[in-house]
Protein backbone atom coordinates (compact mmCIF):
# COMPACT_ATOMS: atom_id res chain seq x y z
CA MET A 1 -25.09 -11.10 20.31
CA ALA A 2 -28.67 -12.09 19.28
CA HIS A 3 -31.02 -13.66 21.68
CA PRO A 4 -34.49 -15.36 21.18
CA THR A 5 -37.62 -13.68 22.44
CA PRO A 6 -37.37 -13.00 26.22
CA ILE A 7 -39.55 -15.02 28.53
CA VAL A 8 -41.26 -13.41 31.50
CA PHE A 9 -42.27 -16.01 34.16
CA VAL A 10 -45.04 -15.23 36.42
CA VAL A 11 -45.67 -17.18 39.75
CA ASP A 12 -48.80 -16.11 41.49
CA ASP A 13 -51.57 -18.14 43.05
CA ASP A 14 -54.34 -15.76 41.93
CA ILE A 15 -55.51 -16.90 38.57
CA SER A 16 -56.93 -13.36 37.76
CA VAL A 17 -53.46 -11.82 38.29
CA ARG A 18 -51.75 -14.56 36.18
CA GLU A 19 -54.18 -13.93 33.36
CA ALA A 20 -53.88 -10.22 33.58
CA LEU A 21 -50.11 -10.26 33.57
CA GLU A 22 -49.92 -12.87 30.88
CA ALA A 23 -51.92 -10.65 28.50
CA LEU A 24 -50.01 -7.51 29.44
CA ILE A 25 -46.68 -9.28 28.87
CA GLN A 26 -47.62 -10.80 25.55
CA LEU A 27 -48.95 -7.43 24.34
CA GLU A 28 -45.49 -6.13 24.87
CA GLY A 29 -43.99 -8.83 22.61
CA TRP A 30 -42.51 -11.06 25.20
CA GLN A 31 -43.32 -14.72 25.85
CA ALA A 32 -45.21 -15.23 29.13
CA GLU A 33 -45.31 -18.47 31.22
CA THR A 34 -47.37 -18.49 34.28
CA PHE A 35 -47.40 -20.85 37.32
CA ALA A 36 -49.81 -21.08 40.32
CA SER A 37 -46.99 -22.25 42.77
CA ALA A 38 -43.23 -22.23 43.35
CA GLU A 39 -43.11 -25.95 42.93
CA GLY A 40 -44.78 -25.59 39.54
CA PHE A 41 -42.23 -23.19 38.47
CA LEU A 42 -39.24 -25.36 39.79
CA SER A 43 -40.38 -28.22 37.80
CA ARG A 44 -40.08 -26.22 34.58
CA PRO A 45 -36.58 -27.05 32.76
CA ARG A 46 -34.19 -24.19 32.92
CA VAL A 47 -33.96 -22.10 29.72
CA VAL A 48 -30.99 -20.04 28.46
CA VAL A 49 -32.76 -17.04 27.10
CA PRO A 50 -33.15 -13.46 28.43
CA SER A 51 -35.83 -13.86 31.16
CA CYS A 52 -37.04 -12.61 34.44
CA LEU A 53 -39.37 -13.82 37.22
CA VAL A 54 -42.49 -11.87 38.40
CA LEU A 55 -42.95 -13.41 41.78
CA ASP A 56 -45.71 -13.13 44.46
CA VAL A 57 -44.43 -13.16 47.91
CA SER A 58 -47.35 -15.13 49.40
CA LEU A 59 -47.70 -18.64 47.77
CA PRO A 60 -49.50 -21.82 48.86
CA ASP A 61 -46.39 -23.96 49.16
CA LEU A 62 -42.88 -22.39 49.04
CA ASN A 63 -43.21 -18.64 49.60
CA GLY A 64 -41.55 -16.11 47.24
CA LEU A 65 -38.61 -15.44 49.44
CA ASP A 66 -37.76 -19.08 49.91
CA LEU A 67 -38.04 -19.63 46.06
CA GLN A 68 -35.63 -16.67 45.71
CA LYS A 69 -33.05 -18.51 47.87
CA ARG A 70 -33.52 -21.56 45.74
CA LEU A 71 -32.74 -19.51 42.67
CA ALA A 72 -29.67 -17.75 44.18
CA ASP A 73 -27.35 -19.16 41.39
CA ARG A 74 -29.78 -17.78 38.61
CA GLY A 75 -28.04 -14.43 37.97
CA ASP A 76 -29.34 -14.55 34.40
CA MET A 77 -33.02 -14.49 35.63
CA PRO A 78 -33.68 -11.36 37.77
CA ILE A 79 -36.58 -11.44 40.21
CA ILE A 80 -39.36 -8.84 40.42
CA PHE A 81 -41.51 -9.29 43.72
CA ILE A 82 -45.15 -8.37 43.68
CA THR A 83 -47.25 -8.49 46.83
CA GLY A 84 -50.62 -7.22 48.22
CA TYR A 85 -49.09 -6.75 51.56
CA GLY A 86 -45.48 -6.26 52.69
CA ASP A 87 -43.28 -4.77 55.29
CA VAL A 88 -39.88 -3.06 55.44
CA PRO A 89 -37.92 -6.17 56.69
CA MET A 90 -39.42 -8.33 53.90
CA THR A 91 -38.52 -5.71 51.29
CA VAL A 92 -35.04 -5.30 52.56
CA GLN A 93 -34.53 -9.09 52.67
CA ALA A 94 -35.63 -9.42 49.10
CA MET A 95 -33.62 -6.56 47.78
CA LYS A 96 -30.50 -7.65 49.68
CA ALA A 97 -30.89 -11.07 47.94
CA GLY A 98 -30.72 -9.39 44.59
CA ALA A 99 -34.34 -8.65 43.58
CA VAL A 100 -34.73 -5.99 40.96
CA GLU A 101 -37.85 -4.52 42.51
CA PHE A 102 -40.50 -5.04 45.17
CA LEU A 103 -43.85 -3.76 43.97
CA MET A 104 -46.90 -3.21 46.07
CA LYS A 105 -50.31 -4.10 44.50
CA PRO A 106 -51.96 -2.40 42.95
CA PHE A 107 -49.29 -1.03 40.54
CA SER A 108 -49.67 0.45 37.13
CA ASP A 109 -49.09 -1.54 34.07
CA GLU A 110 -46.34 0.84 32.90
CA THR A 111 -44.48 0.58 36.19
CA LEU A 112 -44.40 -3.10 35.87
CA LEU A 113 -43.40 -3.11 32.23
CA SER A 114 -40.65 -0.60 33.02
CA VAL A 115 -39.17 -2.83 35.64
CA ILE A 116 -39.53 -5.98 33.44
CA ARG A 117 -37.53 -4.10 30.69
CA GLN A 118 -34.93 -3.37 33.17
CA ALA A 119 -34.73 -7.00 34.31
CA ILE A 120 -34.54 -8.33 30.72
CA ASP A 121 -31.70 -6.05 29.99
CA GLN A 122 -29.94 -7.19 33.09
CA SER A 123 -30.60 -10.91 32.03
CA ARG A 124 -29.35 -10.24 28.62
CA ALA A 125 -26.11 -8.70 29.96
CA ALA A 126 -25.71 -11.74 32.29
CA LEU A 127 -26.04 -14.27 29.51
CA ASP A 128 -23.64 -12.32 27.27
CA GLN A 129 -21.07 -12.38 30.10
CA GLN A 130 -21.69 -16.09 30.61
CA GLN A 131 -20.96 -16.73 26.86
CA VAL A 132 -17.69 -14.69 27.08
CA ILE A 133 -16.48 -16.75 29.98
CA LYS A 134 -17.52 -20.00 28.26
CA THR A 135 -15.52 -19.03 25.08
CA LEU A 136 -12.42 -17.99 27.12
CA SER A 137 -12.72 -21.27 29.14
CA ASP A 138 -12.80 -23.22 25.92
CA ARG A 139 -9.73 -21.44 24.71
CA TYR A 140 -7.97 -21.94 27.99
CA ALA A 141 -8.81 -25.59 27.92
CA SER A 142 -7.05 -25.93 24.56
CA LEU A 143 -3.77 -24.84 26.10
CA SER A 144 -1.25 -27.58 27.03
CA ARG A 145 -0.45 -27.79 30.71
CA ARG A 146 3.00 -26.05 30.12
CA GLU A 147 1.18 -23.39 28.09
CA GLN A 148 -1.24 -22.86 31.08
CA GLU A 149 1.86 -22.58 33.39
CA VAL A 150 3.52 -19.97 31.11
CA MET A 151 0.23 -18.00 30.81
CA ALA A 152 -0.12 -17.89 34.59
CA LEU A 153 3.40 -16.33 34.90
CA VAL A 154 3.13 -14.02 31.77
CA VAL A 155 0.03 -12.35 33.28
CA THR A 156 1.86 -11.44 36.54
CA GLY A 157 4.31 -9.37 34.48
CA ARG A 158 7.25 -11.78 34.64
CA LEU A 159 9.83 -11.49 31.86
CA ASN A 160 10.59 -14.49 29.59
CA LYS A 161 13.86 -15.02 31.39
CA GLN A 162 12.14 -15.06 34.84
CA ILE A 163 9.51 -17.48 33.50
CA GLY A 164 12.18 -19.74 32.11
CA PHE A 165 13.93 -19.75 35.48
CA GLU A 166 10.83 -20.58 37.38
CA LEU A 167 9.80 -23.39 35.04
CA ASP A 168 13.34 -24.57 34.35
CA ILE A 169 13.11 -24.05 30.52
CA SER A 170 15.00 -22.08 28.10
CA GLU A 171 14.06 -18.51 27.31
CA ILE A 172 13.57 -19.57 23.62
CA THR A 173 11.17 -22.26 24.75
CA VAL A 174 9.29 -19.66 26.91
CA LYS A 175 8.84 -17.42 23.82
CA ALA A 176 7.48 -20.31 21.75
CA HIS A 177 4.94 -21.23 24.51
CA ARG A 178 4.13 -17.51 25.01
CA GLY A 179 3.39 -17.15 21.27
CA ARG A 180 1.14 -20.21 21.18
CA VAL A 181 -0.73 -18.86 24.33
CA MET A 182 -1.49 -15.54 22.62
CA ARG A 183 -2.58 -17.15 19.42
CA LYS A 184 -4.87 -19.82 21.08
CA MET A 185 -6.29 -17.36 23.54
CA GLU A 186 -6.79 -14.88 20.65
CA ALA A 187 -5.20 -12.15 22.75
CA GLY A 188 -3.97 -9.02 20.83
CA SER A 189 -1.77 -7.77 23.71
CA LEU A 190 -0.49 -8.62 27.15
CA ALA A 191 -3.23 -6.46 28.43
CA ASP A 192 -5.87 -8.60 26.67
CA LEU A 193 -4.29 -11.66 28.12
CA VAL A 194 -4.33 -10.21 31.67
CA ASN A 195 -8.00 -9.20 31.12
CA MET A 196 -8.82 -12.72 30.12
CA ALA A 197 -7.01 -14.30 33.12
CA ALA A 198 -9.01 -12.03 35.38
CA LYS A 199 -12.29 -13.04 33.84
CA LEU A 200 -11.34 -16.78 34.19
CA ARG A 201 -10.17 -15.97 37.80
CA LEU A 202 -6.94 -17.73 37.30
CA ALA A 203 -4.61 -18.04 40.23
CA PRO A 204 -1.33 -16.17 39.76
CA GLY A 205 1.86 -18.30 39.19
CA PRO A 206 4.16 -19.14 42.09
CA ALA A 207 6.35 -16.39 43.27
CA ARG A 208 10.06 -16.59 44.12
């Protein structure tokens, strides 16, 4: 699916670093937005476009690692740490929390650009996955309660006769519900439906 121009956010309290990175990012064809503090960045409304965050560890208010914790639910915005100093525990903490890379200053332009490309690809994939889940969720919401019950049992591999017994409905009725489920979910096969249920993390139907 198509996406707008990626945005690379930069949070660094050194204006010379911000200006240099902004020029580098724009030269590569991406949008650049820079901030002098974590709080400044947090006040910026969330955007749903491919993006990444180039983040200095040492900041005047909230430090980079604390900001990373605040952004834990932002899987669509990978974080690249940059720092003039660092130690192994700090690096390990950042990477365990999901950072794409931890770069020590000074680093080459190409090194940073390479990591940003990787982060943007990761962001784009995450956004695509979110869209897939939203589409499936909308389809699932269009099912009636009974159709959702039938779907939950169908994806466990139960036969129509078994589903009818569990829901106390006729086998013919099960077939009708099953057909509507397949049509509304736009599933081409049982395997497709099972895959959709897995993506939606639907709980399996009750066992007897």
